[in-house]
Each structure stands twice: as structure tokens, then as C-alpha cells.
Amino acid sequence: YIGKFFELKKGLHSVFNELREAKEYDYLELVINSGGGLVLEGQQFYNLIQEKFYKRTVAYLDNYGYSMGALLFCMAEKRVIYPYSDFMFHTYSGGAQEKGGEIKARLEHSSKKLEKFFYDIIVKQGFLSKAEFKQMLVGQDYWMGAKELCKRGIATHVILEGHEITAKEYSVSYTHLRAH
């Protein structure tokens, strides 16, 4: 269960260490109810998924996934939502406290690295267009509910009335229900 992406008394580090023991047939199942957190710890999840759970990760968006919670959801191969799941992409935030030249160098380096990380997860998978991504980087937030998550391919499945259906089936049934 993923809530916040902050290391609290070795909480996430113990989770990461346990996940590193995974075998080639293990699956990772994430239940996300998160307002976000630290991108660096989100990148640790990304690395673990790439190393140990590539094409074997399922994420459930249990209520909401904002910021890093949204990115983690997007890292899974199978992405399951509920009719009232809530979701939001936005750019990273941070700060720096060092000497002037060090702040500038760190900012330039971090910006390039984080923009590529976000781009690879969000744009390469087709979840936002390049134009939308550019707008996100300058402050645009992208809020989405179930219908939009299905339309964009962010959600692959929806749990509806006790059954798991594909996002496409949900979109068709949603459109049909709205027409009546």
C-alpha cells in the first residue's frame, strides 16, 4: 500500500530491500492512495520495477494518485482503477540551499534528469502529448477521473460492480449510460 513517498524510520528502505529479494516469477502488486512525495524515492520504485518486476507489475488506484503517486501508477503494466478514482500529473517541485554556483549547476542537472524521467513515463507511453507535457513543465496540472484515465490509456482496467473490465469496455458502457 503506497501512501507517501517519504523515508520514515527506514520504512521505504526496508520495503525496497525486501523487494530486491524477488524471484523471476514474482509479481508486484501496488495499491496506491497517494498525494505524492519525493521523486527520488519514486525513481527507486521505477528502478526496482525495471530490475525485478519488468512486465509483472499491477497497480490499483484506490481512490487517488497525485504527483509521484500518479507516476508510480503509470509505471505498472496493468493499471486498474475504480469509477471514482482521482488522478493528477504536475511538474516536480523542490528547492536548494548551497552557494550560488552550486545551486545553478544542481538545478540545471536536476531539471534535465527529472524532465527526462517524467517524459519517459508520461509522454513516451502516450498519456500526455508533447504540447501538454510542455504546459505541465511550466505549471499546468492535469486532473483526471475514470473516464479520462480510460480515454488516455492510463487505466487499462476498471473494477465496476464487482467485476474487472477493460478500460475500453468501461468507456463504451460509460458513453452508453450517459446517452440514456
N, C-alpha and C. Protein backbone atom coordinates (compact mmCIF):
# COMPACT_ATOMS: atom_id res chain seq x y z
N TYR A 1 0.85 -1.18 0.00
CA TYR A 1 0.00 0.00 0.00
C TYR A 1 0.89 1.23 0.00
N ILE A 2 0.72 2.08 -0.99
CA ILE A 2 1.58 3.25 -1.12
C ILE A 2 0.77 4.49 -0.78
N GLY A 3 1.24 5.19 0.27
CA GLY A 3 0.64 6.45 0.67
C GLY A 3 1.57 7.58 0.31
N LYS A 4 2.55 7.83 1.17
CA LYS A 4 3.50 8.91 0.92
C LYS A 4 4.86 8.35 0.53
N PHE A 5 5.55 9.09 -0.29
CA PHE A 5 6.89 8.71 -0.72
C PHE A 5 7.92 9.47 0.10
N PHE A 6 7.96 9.18 1.37
CA PHE A 6 8.97 9.77 2.24
C PHE A 6 9.57 8.64 3.04
N GLU A 7 10.87 8.65 3.24
CA GLU A 7 11.51 7.65 4.07
C GLU A 7 11.23 8.01 5.52
N LEU A 8 10.48 7.18 6.21
CA LEU A 8 10.17 7.39 7.62
C LEU A 8 10.69 6.21 8.42
N LYS A 9 11.75 6.45 9.18
CA LYS A 9 12.33 5.41 10.04
C LYS A 9 12.58 4.11 9.29
N LYS A 10 13.25 4.21 8.17
CA LYS A 10 13.62 3.07 7.34
C LYS A 10 12.43 2.33 6.75
N GLY A 11 11.26 2.96 6.70
CA GLY A 11 10.07 2.32 6.15
C GLY A 11 10.21 1.92 4.70
N LEU A 12 10.46 2.88 3.82
CA LEU A 12 10.58 2.55 2.40
C LEU A 12 11.84 1.75 2.11
N HIS A 13 12.92 2.05 2.82
CA HIS A 13 14.15 1.30 2.57
C HIS A 13 13.97 -0.17 2.89
N SER A 14 13.24 -0.49 3.94
CA SER A 14 13.00 -1.91 4.24
C SER A 14 12.12 -2.53 3.16
N VAL A 15 11.15 -1.77 2.64
CA VAL A 15 10.32 -2.27 1.53
C VAL A 15 11.19 -2.52 0.30
N PHE A 16 12.04 -1.56 -0.04
CA PHE A 16 12.92 -1.71 -1.20
C PHE A 16 13.83 -2.93 -1.03
N ASN A 17 14.41 -3.09 0.15
CA ASN A 17 15.30 -4.23 0.40
C ASN A 17 14.55 -5.55 0.27
N GLU A 18 13.33 -5.62 0.77
CA GLU A 18 12.55 -6.84 0.65
C GLU A 18 12.21 -7.13 -0.82
N LEU A 19 11.85 -6.09 -1.56
CA LEU A 19 11.51 -6.27 -2.97
C LEU A 19 12.71 -6.73 -3.80
N ARG A 20 13.90 -6.34 -3.40
CA ARG A 20 15.11 -6.77 -4.11
C ARG A 20 15.34 -8.28 -4.02
N GLU A 21 14.66 -8.93 -3.07
CA GLU A 21 14.77 -10.38 -2.91
C GLU A 21 13.82 -11.13 -3.84
N ALA A 22 13.06 -10.44 -4.65
CA ALA A 22 12.07 -11.06 -5.53
C ALA A 22 12.74 -12.02 -6.50
N LYS A 23 11.98 -13.04 -6.84
CA LYS A 23 12.45 -14.04 -7.81
C LYS A 23 11.83 -13.73 -9.18
N GLU A 24 12.31 -14.38 -10.19
CA GLU A 24 11.89 -14.09 -11.56
C GLU A 24 10.42 -14.35 -11.83
N TYR A 25 9.74 -15.11 -11.01
CA TYR A 25 8.32 -15.41 -11.21
C TYR A 25 7.41 -14.58 -10.30
N ASP A 26 7.97 -13.73 -9.44
CA ASP A 26 7.18 -12.91 -8.53
C ASP A 26 6.54 -11.73 -9.28
N TYR A 27 5.36 -11.34 -8.82
CA TYR A 27 4.67 -10.15 -9.34
C TYR A 27 4.65 -9.10 -8.25
N LEU A 28 4.62 -7.85 -8.66
CA LEU A 28 4.49 -6.74 -7.73
C LEU A 28 3.09 -6.17 -7.89
N GLU A 29 2.37 -6.09 -6.80
CA GLU A 29 1.02 -5.53 -6.80
C GLU A 29 1.05 -4.30 -5.88
N LEU A 30 0.73 -3.15 -6.45
CA LEU A 30 0.73 -1.89 -5.70
C LEU A 30 -0.69 -1.38 -5.55
N VAL A 31 -1.04 -0.99 -4.35
CA VAL A 31 -2.32 -0.33 -4.10
C VAL A 31 -1.97 1.11 -3.76
N ILE A 32 -2.38 2.04 -4.61
CA ILE A 32 -1.95 3.44 -4.48
C ILE A 32 -3.11 4.31 -4.01
N ASN A 33 -2.86 5.01 -2.94
CA ASN A 33 -3.76 6.01 -2.38
C ASN A 33 -2.82 7.11 -1.89
N SER A 34 -2.35 7.93 -2.82
CA SER A 34 -1.21 8.78 -2.52
C SER A 34 -1.33 10.19 -3.09
N GLY A 35 -0.97 11.14 -2.27
CA GLY A 35 -0.85 12.52 -2.70
C GLY A 35 0.52 12.83 -3.25
N GLY A 36 1.42 11.86 -3.23
CA GLY A 36 2.75 12.04 -3.81
C GLY A 36 3.85 11.99 -2.79
N GLY A 37 4.94 12.64 -3.11
CA GLY A 37 6.11 12.62 -2.24
C GLY A 37 7.37 12.88 -3.03
N LEU A 38 8.44 12.30 -2.57
CA LEU A 38 9.76 12.57 -3.15
C LEU A 38 9.98 11.82 -4.46
N VAL A 39 10.38 12.54 -5.49
CA VAL A 39 10.64 11.94 -6.79
C VAL A 39 11.79 10.93 -6.69
N LEU A 40 12.80 11.23 -5.90
CA LEU A 40 13.94 10.32 -5.81
C LEU A 40 13.52 8.94 -5.30
N GLU A 41 12.59 8.88 -4.37
CA GLU A 41 12.10 7.59 -3.90
C GLU A 41 11.17 6.95 -4.93
N GLY A 42 10.46 7.76 -5.68
CA GLY A 42 9.67 7.23 -6.79
C GLY A 42 10.57 6.60 -7.85
N GLN A 43 11.74 7.21 -8.06
CA GLN A 43 12.70 6.64 -9.01
C GLN A 43 13.25 5.31 -8.51
N GLN A 44 13.33 5.14 -7.19
CA GLN A 44 13.76 3.85 -6.66
C GLN A 44 12.73 2.78 -7.01
N PHE A 45 11.43 3.11 -6.92
CA PHE A 45 10.40 2.16 -7.35
C PHE A 45 10.56 1.85 -8.83
N TYR A 46 10.80 2.87 -9.63
CA TYR A 46 10.99 2.67 -11.06
C TYR A 46 12.14 1.69 -11.32
N ASN A 47 13.27 1.92 -10.64
CA ASN A 47 14.43 1.05 -10.81
C ASN A 47 14.10 -0.39 -10.41
N LEU A 48 13.40 -0.56 -9.30
CA LEU A 48 13.02 -1.90 -8.86
C LEU A 48 12.09 -2.59 -9.87
N ILE A 49 11.14 -1.84 -10.38
CA ILE A 49 10.23 -2.41 -11.37
C ILE A 49 11.01 -2.84 -12.61
N GLN A 50 11.93 -1.99 -13.07
CA GLN A 50 12.73 -2.32 -14.25
C GLN A 50 13.62 -3.54 -14.00
N GLU A 51 14.18 -3.64 -12.80
CA GLU A 51 15.13 -4.71 -12.49
C GLU A 51 14.45 -6.03 -12.12
N LYS A 52 13.45 -5.96 -11.26
CA LYS A 52 12.89 -7.18 -10.67
C LYS A 52 11.48 -7.54 -11.13
N PHE A 53 10.71 -6.55 -11.60
CA PHE A 53 9.30 -6.80 -11.90
C PHE A 53 8.89 -6.31 -13.29
N TYR A 54 9.82 -6.29 -14.22
CA TYR A 54 9.54 -5.79 -15.56
C TYR A 54 8.42 -6.62 -16.19
N LYS A 55 7.36 -5.94 -16.63
CA LYS A 55 6.17 -6.55 -17.24
C LYS A 55 5.42 -7.47 -16.26
N ARG A 56 5.68 -7.29 -14.95
CA ARG A 56 4.98 -8.09 -13.93
C ARG A 56 4.55 -7.20 -12.76
N THR A 57 4.01 -6.03 -13.09
CA THR A 57 3.56 -5.11 -12.06
C THR A 57 2.10 -4.72 -12.33
N VAL A 58 1.28 -4.80 -11.29
CA VAL A 58 -0.11 -4.40 -11.34
C VAL A 58 -0.31 -3.30 -10.30
N ALA A 59 -0.96 -2.22 -10.70
CA ALA A 59 -1.23 -1.13 -9.77
C ALA A 59 -2.74 -0.88 -9.71
N TYR A 60 -3.23 -0.69 -8.50
CA TYR A 60 -4.63 -0.34 -8.26
C TYR A 60 -4.67 1.09 -7.75
N LEU A 61 -5.44 1.94 -8.41
CA LEU A 61 -5.58 3.32 -7.98
C LEU A 61 -6.77 3.39 -7.03
N ASP A 62 -6.48 3.14 -5.77
CA ASP A 62 -7.51 3.08 -4.74
C ASP A 62 -7.77 4.49 -4.22
N ASN A 63 -8.69 5.16 -4.84
CA ASN A 63 -9.13 6.50 -4.51
C ASN A 63 -8.35 7.57 -5.25
N TYR A 64 -7.06 7.77 -4.97
CA TYR A 64 -6.36 8.84 -5.66
C TYR A 64 -4.87 8.59 -5.81
N GLY A 65 -4.31 9.16 -6.86
CA GLY A 65 -2.88 9.15 -7.12
C GLY A 65 -2.52 10.49 -7.73
N TYR A 66 -1.85 11.31 -6.94
CA TYR A 66 -1.41 12.62 -7.41
C TYR A 66 0.11 12.64 -7.44
N SER A 67 0.67 13.47 -8.31
CA SER A 67 2.10 13.72 -8.32
C SER A 67 2.87 12.41 -8.47
N MET A 68 3.74 12.08 -7.53
CA MET A 68 4.54 10.85 -7.62
C MET A 68 3.65 9.63 -7.55
N GLY A 69 2.51 9.71 -6.87
CA GLY A 69 1.55 8.60 -6.86
C GLY A 69 1.03 8.31 -8.26
N ALA A 70 0.80 9.36 -9.05
CA ALA A 70 0.35 9.19 -10.44
C ALA A 70 1.45 8.55 -11.28
N LEU A 71 2.68 9.00 -11.09
CA LEU A 71 3.78 8.43 -11.87
C LEU A 71 3.98 6.96 -11.53
N LEU A 72 3.90 6.61 -10.25
CA LEU A 72 4.06 5.21 -9.87
C LEU A 72 2.97 4.36 -10.51
N PHE A 73 1.75 4.86 -10.51
CA PHE A 73 0.65 4.15 -11.16
C PHE A 73 0.99 3.89 -12.62
N CYS A 74 1.55 4.88 -13.30
CA CYS A 74 1.88 4.77 -14.72
C CYS A 74 3.03 3.79 -14.99
N MET A 75 3.81 3.47 -13.98
CA MET A 75 4.94 2.55 -14.15
C MET A 75 4.50 1.10 -14.29
N ALA A 76 3.29 0.79 -13.84
CA ALA A 76 2.81 -0.60 -13.88
C ALA A 76 2.37 -0.98 -15.28
N GLU A 77 2.46 -2.25 -15.57
CA GLU A 77 1.98 -2.74 -16.87
C GLU A 77 0.46 -2.79 -16.89
N LYS A 78 -0.13 -3.31 -15.83
CA LYS A 78 -1.59 -3.35 -15.71
C LYS A 78 -1.98 -2.29 -14.69
N ARG A 79 -2.93 -1.40 -15.09
CA ARG A 79 -3.30 -0.27 -14.24
C ARG A 79 -4.81 -0.28 -14.04
N VAL A 80 -5.23 -0.58 -12.81
CA VAL A 80 -6.64 -0.78 -12.50
C VAL A 80 -7.18 0.39 -11.68
N ILE A 81 -8.34 0.90 -12.10
CA ILE A 81 -8.97 2.00 -11.38
C ILE A 81 -10.38 1.59 -10.96
N TYR A 82 -11.02 2.49 -10.26
CA TYR A 82 -12.41 2.36 -9.84
C TYR A 82 -13.17 3.56 -10.42
N PRO A 83 -14.49 3.52 -10.50
CA PRO A 83 -15.23 4.62 -11.13
C PRO A 83 -14.96 6.00 -10.52
N TYR A 84 -14.56 6.07 -9.26
CA TYR A 84 -14.32 7.37 -8.65
C TYR A 84 -12.84 7.61 -8.34
N SER A 85 -11.96 6.88 -8.99
CA SER A 85 -10.53 7.12 -8.82
C SER A 85 -10.20 8.53 -9.32
N ASP A 86 -9.26 9.16 -8.66
CA ASP A 86 -8.86 10.53 -8.99
C ASP A 86 -7.35 10.54 -9.23
N PHE A 87 -6.91 11.42 -10.14
CA PHE A 87 -5.54 11.33 -10.65
C PHE A 87 -5.06 12.72 -11.03
N MET A 88 -3.76 12.98 -10.85
CA MET A 88 -3.22 14.28 -11.25
C MET A 88 -1.73 14.20 -11.57
N PHE A 89 -1.39 14.71 -12.77
CA PHE A 89 0.00 14.93 -13.17
C PHE A 89 0.33 16.39 -12.91
N HIS A 90 1.53 16.67 -12.44
CA HIS A 90 2.06 18.03 -12.41
C HIS A 90 3.58 17.94 -12.42
N THR A 91 4.22 19.07 -12.57
CA THR A 91 5.67 19.08 -12.60
C THR A 91 6.23 18.88 -11.19
N TYR A 92 7.48 18.60 -11.13
CA TYR A 92 8.16 18.40 -9.85
C TYR A 92 8.34 19.74 -9.13
N SER A 93 8.54 19.65 -7.83
CA SER A 93 8.89 20.85 -7.07
C SER A 93 10.09 20.52 -6.20
N GLY A 94 10.79 21.52 -5.78
CA GLY A 94 11.98 21.30 -4.96
C GLY A 94 12.61 22.61 -4.54
N GLY A 95 13.77 22.49 -3.98
CA GLY A 95 14.49 23.67 -3.54
C GLY A 95 15.97 23.34 -3.40
N ALA A 96 16.76 24.35 -3.14
CA ALA A 96 18.20 24.15 -3.00
C ALA A 96 18.75 25.17 -2.02
N GLN A 97 19.73 24.72 -1.27
CA GLN A 97 20.40 25.61 -0.32
C GLN A 97 21.89 25.32 -0.38
N GLU A 98 22.59 26.13 -1.14
CA GLU A 98 24.02 25.98 -1.31
C GLU A 98 24.57 27.31 -1.79
N LYS A 99 25.84 27.32 -2.19
CA LYS A 99 26.40 28.52 -2.78
C LYS A 99 25.78 28.74 -4.16
N GLY A 100 25.73 29.99 -4.61
CA GLY A 100 25.06 30.36 -5.86
C GLY A 100 25.40 29.49 -7.05
N GLY A 101 26.68 29.30 -7.32
CA GLY A 101 27.10 28.49 -8.47
C GLY A 101 26.67 27.05 -8.33
N GLU A 102 26.71 26.53 -7.11
CA GLU A 102 26.31 25.15 -6.86
C GLU A 102 24.80 24.98 -7.07
N ILE A 103 24.03 25.99 -6.63
CA ILE A 103 22.58 25.93 -6.83
C ILE A 103 22.26 25.88 -8.32
N LYS A 104 22.90 26.75 -9.10
CA LYS A 104 22.65 26.81 -10.53
C LYS A 104 23.02 25.50 -11.21
N ALA A 105 24.19 24.95 -10.89
CA ALA A 105 24.63 23.70 -11.51
C ALA A 105 23.71 22.54 -11.14
N ARG A 106 23.34 22.49 -9.87
CA ARG A 106 22.45 21.41 -9.41
C ARG A 106 21.07 21.54 -10.06
N LEU A 107 20.56 22.76 -10.15
CA LEU A 107 19.26 22.99 -10.75
C LEU A 107 19.24 22.55 -12.21
N GLU A 108 20.27 22.95 -12.97
CA GLU A 108 20.35 22.57 -14.38
C GLU A 108 20.43 21.06 -14.54
N HIS A 109 21.26 20.42 -13.73
CA HIS A 109 21.41 18.97 -13.80
C HIS A 109 20.10 18.26 -13.42
N SER A 110 19.53 18.66 -12.30
CA SER A 110 18.30 18.02 -11.82
C SER A 110 17.14 18.23 -12.78
N SER A 111 17.03 19.43 -13.33
CA SER A 111 15.94 19.70 -14.27
C SER A 111 16.00 18.78 -15.47
N LYS A 112 17.18 18.61 -16.06
CA LYS A 112 17.33 17.72 -17.22
C LYS A 112 16.96 16.29 -16.85
N LYS A 113 17.48 15.83 -15.73
CA LYS A 113 17.23 14.45 -15.30
C LYS A 113 15.75 14.22 -15.01
N LEU A 114 15.12 15.11 -14.26
CA LEU A 114 13.72 14.92 -13.88
C LEU A 114 12.79 15.08 -15.08
N GLU A 115 13.08 16.02 -15.96
CA GLU A 115 12.24 16.19 -17.14
C GLU A 115 12.30 14.95 -18.02
N LYS A 116 13.46 14.33 -18.16
CA LYS A 116 13.57 13.10 -18.95
C LYS A 116 12.81 11.97 -18.25
N PHE A 117 12.94 11.84 -16.94
CA PHE A 117 12.22 10.81 -16.19
C PHE A 117 10.71 10.96 -16.37
N PHE A 118 10.20 12.18 -16.19
CA PHE A 118 8.77 12.43 -16.36
C PHE A 118 8.35 12.16 -17.81
N TYR A 119 9.16 12.62 -18.76
CA TYR A 119 8.86 12.44 -20.18
C TYR A 119 8.74 10.95 -20.52
N ASP A 120 9.71 10.17 -20.06
CA ASP A 120 9.72 8.74 -20.37
C ASP A 120 8.48 8.03 -19.83
N ILE A 121 8.01 8.41 -18.68
CA ILE A 121 6.84 7.77 -18.08
C ILE A 121 5.54 8.30 -18.68
N ILE A 122 5.47 9.60 -18.90
CA ILE A 122 4.20 10.22 -19.29
C ILE A 122 4.01 10.34 -20.80
N VAL A 123 5.00 10.86 -21.50
CA VAL A 123 4.83 11.14 -22.94
C VAL A 123 5.13 9.91 -23.79
N LYS A 124 6.19 9.19 -23.49
CA LYS A 124 6.54 8.02 -24.31
C LYS A 124 5.42 6.99 -24.31
N GLN A 125 4.64 6.92 -23.24
CA GLN A 125 3.53 5.98 -23.19
C GLN A 125 2.24 6.57 -23.76
N GLY A 126 2.30 7.85 -24.16
CA GLY A 126 1.16 8.49 -24.80
C GLY A 126 0.10 9.03 -23.85
N PHE A 127 0.46 9.20 -22.58
CA PHE A 127 -0.52 9.67 -21.60
C PHE A 127 -0.77 11.17 -21.68
N LEU A 128 0.24 11.94 -22.08
CA LEU A 128 0.10 13.36 -22.40
C LEU A 128 0.80 13.59 -23.73
N SER A 129 0.33 14.55 -24.49
CA SER A 129 1.01 14.92 -25.73
C SER A 129 2.26 15.73 -25.37
N LYS A 130 3.13 15.93 -26.35
CA LYS A 130 4.32 16.76 -26.12
C LYS A 130 3.92 18.18 -25.73
N ALA A 131 2.88 18.71 -26.37
CA ALA A 131 2.42 20.07 -26.06
C ALA A 131 1.87 20.14 -24.64
N GLU A 132 1.10 19.13 -24.24
CA GLU A 132 0.57 19.10 -22.87
C GLU A 132 1.71 18.98 -21.86
N PHE A 133 2.71 18.17 -22.20
CA PHE A 133 3.86 18.00 -21.31
C PHE A 133 4.60 19.32 -21.11
N LYS A 134 4.78 20.06 -22.20
CA LYS A 134 5.44 21.37 -22.09
C LYS A 134 4.64 22.28 -21.16
N GLN A 135 3.32 22.25 -21.29
CA GLN A 135 2.47 23.05 -20.41
C GLN A 135 2.59 22.58 -18.96
N MET A 136 2.70 21.28 -18.76
CA MET A 136 2.86 20.74 -17.41
C MET A 136 4.15 21.26 -16.78
N LEU A 137 5.22 21.31 -17.57
CA LEU A 137 6.51 21.74 -17.03
C LEU A 137 6.50 23.20 -16.58
N VAL A 138 5.59 24.00 -17.12
CA VAL A 138 5.51 25.41 -16.71
C VAL A 138 4.36 25.67 -15.74
N GLY A 139 3.77 24.59 -15.21
CA GLY A 139 2.82 24.78 -14.14
C GLY A 139 1.41 24.25 -14.33
N GLN A 140 1.07 23.76 -15.51
CA GLN A 140 -0.28 23.23 -15.74
C GLN A 140 -0.45 21.90 -15.02
N ASP A 141 -1.50 21.77 -14.23
CA ASP A 141 -1.85 20.50 -13.60
C ASP A 141 -2.86 19.79 -14.49
N TYR A 142 -2.78 18.47 -14.56
CA TYR A 142 -3.73 17.68 -15.33
C TYR A 142 -4.48 16.74 -14.39
N TRP A 143 -5.72 17.12 -14.10
CA TRP A 143 -6.61 16.36 -13.22
C TRP A 143 -7.47 15.45 -14.08
N MET A 144 -7.62 14.20 -13.64
CA MET A 144 -8.39 13.23 -14.44
C MET A 144 -9.20 12.31 -13.54
N GLY A 145 -10.39 12.00 -14.02
CA GLY A 145 -11.22 10.99 -13.40
C GLY A 145 -11.20 9.72 -14.23
N ALA A 146 -12.07 8.79 -13.91
CA ALA A 146 -12.07 7.48 -14.56
C ALA A 146 -12.23 7.56 -16.08
N LYS A 147 -13.17 8.38 -16.54
CA LYS A 147 -13.42 8.47 -17.98
C LYS A 147 -12.16 8.91 -18.73
N GLU A 148 -11.51 9.95 -18.24
CA GLU A 148 -10.30 10.47 -18.90
C GLU A 148 -9.14 9.48 -18.79
N LEU A 149 -9.01 8.82 -17.65
CA LEU A 149 -7.94 7.82 -17.47
C LEU A 149 -8.09 6.68 -18.48
N CYS A 150 -9.31 6.29 -18.74
CA CYS A 150 -9.56 5.23 -19.73
C CYS A 150 -9.31 5.75 -21.14
N LYS A 151 -9.80 6.94 -21.43
CA LYS A 151 -9.65 7.53 -22.77
C LYS A 151 -8.18 7.66 -23.16
N ARG A 152 -7.35 8.08 -22.21
CA ARG A 152 -5.93 8.29 -22.49
C ARG A 152 -5.09 7.01 -22.42
N GLY A 153 -5.70 5.91 -22.00
CA GLY A 153 -4.94 4.66 -21.88
C GLY A 153 -4.12 4.57 -20.61
N ILE A 154 -4.31 5.51 -19.70
CA ILE A 154 -3.59 5.44 -18.43
C ILE A 154 -4.12 4.25 -17.63
N ALA A 155 -5.44 4.13 -17.57
CA ALA A 155 -6.04 2.96 -16.94
C ALA A 155 -6.18 1.87 -18.00
N THR A 156 -5.87 0.64 -17.62
CA THR A 156 -6.07 -0.48 -18.54
C THR A 156 -7.33 -1.27 -18.18
N HIS A 157 -7.74 -1.17 -16.90
CA HIS A 157 -8.90 -1.91 -16.41
C HIS A 157 -9.65 -1.07 -15.38
N VAL A 158 -10.93 -1.41 -15.19
CA VAL A 158 -11.78 -0.74 -14.20
C VAL A 158 -12.52 -1.82 -13.42
N ILE A 159 -12.60 -1.64 -12.12
CA ILE A 159 -13.43 -2.53 -11.32
C ILE A 159 -14.78 -1.85 -11.16
N LEU A 160 -15.80 -2.51 -11.70
CA LEU A 160 -17.14 -1.95 -11.74
C LEU A 160 -18.13 -3.02 -11.31
N GLU A 161 -18.90 -2.73 -10.28
CA GLU A 161 -19.94 -3.63 -9.79
C GLU A 161 -19.42 -5.05 -9.56
N GLY A 162 -18.26 -5.14 -8.94
CA GLY A 162 -17.70 -6.44 -8.58
C GLY A 162 -16.97 -7.17 -9.69
N HIS A 163 -16.82 -6.53 -10.86
CA HIS A 163 -16.15 -7.18 -11.99
C HIS A 163 -15.03 -6.28 -12.51
N GLU A 164 -13.97 -6.92 -12.95
CA GLU A 164 -12.89 -6.18 -13.60
C GLU A 164 -13.14 -6.23 -15.10
N ILE A 165 -13.28 -5.05 -15.70
CA ILE A 165 -13.49 -4.95 -17.14
C ILE A 165 -12.36 -4.12 -17.74
N THR A 166 -12.21 -4.18 -19.04
CA THR A 166 -11.16 -3.38 -19.68
C THR A 166 -11.58 -1.91 -19.69
N ALA A 167 -10.60 -1.06 -19.83
CA ALA A 167 -10.87 0.37 -19.92
C ALA A 167 -11.75 0.67 -21.13
N LYS A 168 -11.53 -0.05 -22.22
CA LYS A 168 -12.34 0.16 -23.42
C LYS A 168 -13.79 -0.21 -23.15
N GLU A 169 -14.02 -1.34 -22.48
CA GLU A 169 -15.39 -1.74 -22.14
C GLU A 169 -16.05 -0.69 -21.24
N TYR A 170 -15.29 -0.15 -20.30
CA TYR A 170 -15.82 0.86 -19.40
C TYR A 170 -16.19 2.12 -20.18
N SER A 171 -15.32 2.52 -21.10
CA SER A 171 -15.59 3.72 -21.90
C SER A 171 -16.86 3.55 -22.72
N VAL A 172 -17.06 2.38 -23.29
CA VAL A 172 -18.27 2.12 -24.07
C VAL A 172 -19.48 2.14 -23.16
N SER A 173 -19.40 1.48 -22.01
CA SER A 173 -20.56 1.44 -21.11
C SER A 173 -20.83 2.83 -20.53
N TYR A 174 -19.79 3.61 -20.26
CA TYR A 174 -19.94 4.97 -19.74
C TYR A 174 -20.65 5.85 -20.77
N THR A 175 -20.24 5.75 -22.02
CA THR A 175 -20.86 6.53 -23.09
C THR A 175 -22.31 6.11 -23.26
N HIS A 176 -22.56 4.81 -23.21
CA HIS A 176 -23.92 4.29 -23.33
C HIS A 176 -24.81 4.78 -22.19
N LEU A 177 -24.30 4.72 -20.96
CA LEU A 177 -25.07 5.17 -19.80
C LEU A 177 -25.37 6.67 -19.86
N ARG A 178 -24.40 7.45 -20.33
CA ARG A 178 -24.57 8.91 -20.42
C ARG A 178 -25.61 9.28 -21.48
N ALA A 179 -25.78 8.43 -22.51
CA ALA A 179 -26.72 8.72 -23.59
C ALA A 179 -28.16 8.52 -23.15
N HIS A 180 -28.38 7.74 -22.10
CA HIS A 180 -29.75 7.45 -21.66
C HIS A 180 -30.20 8.39 -20.59
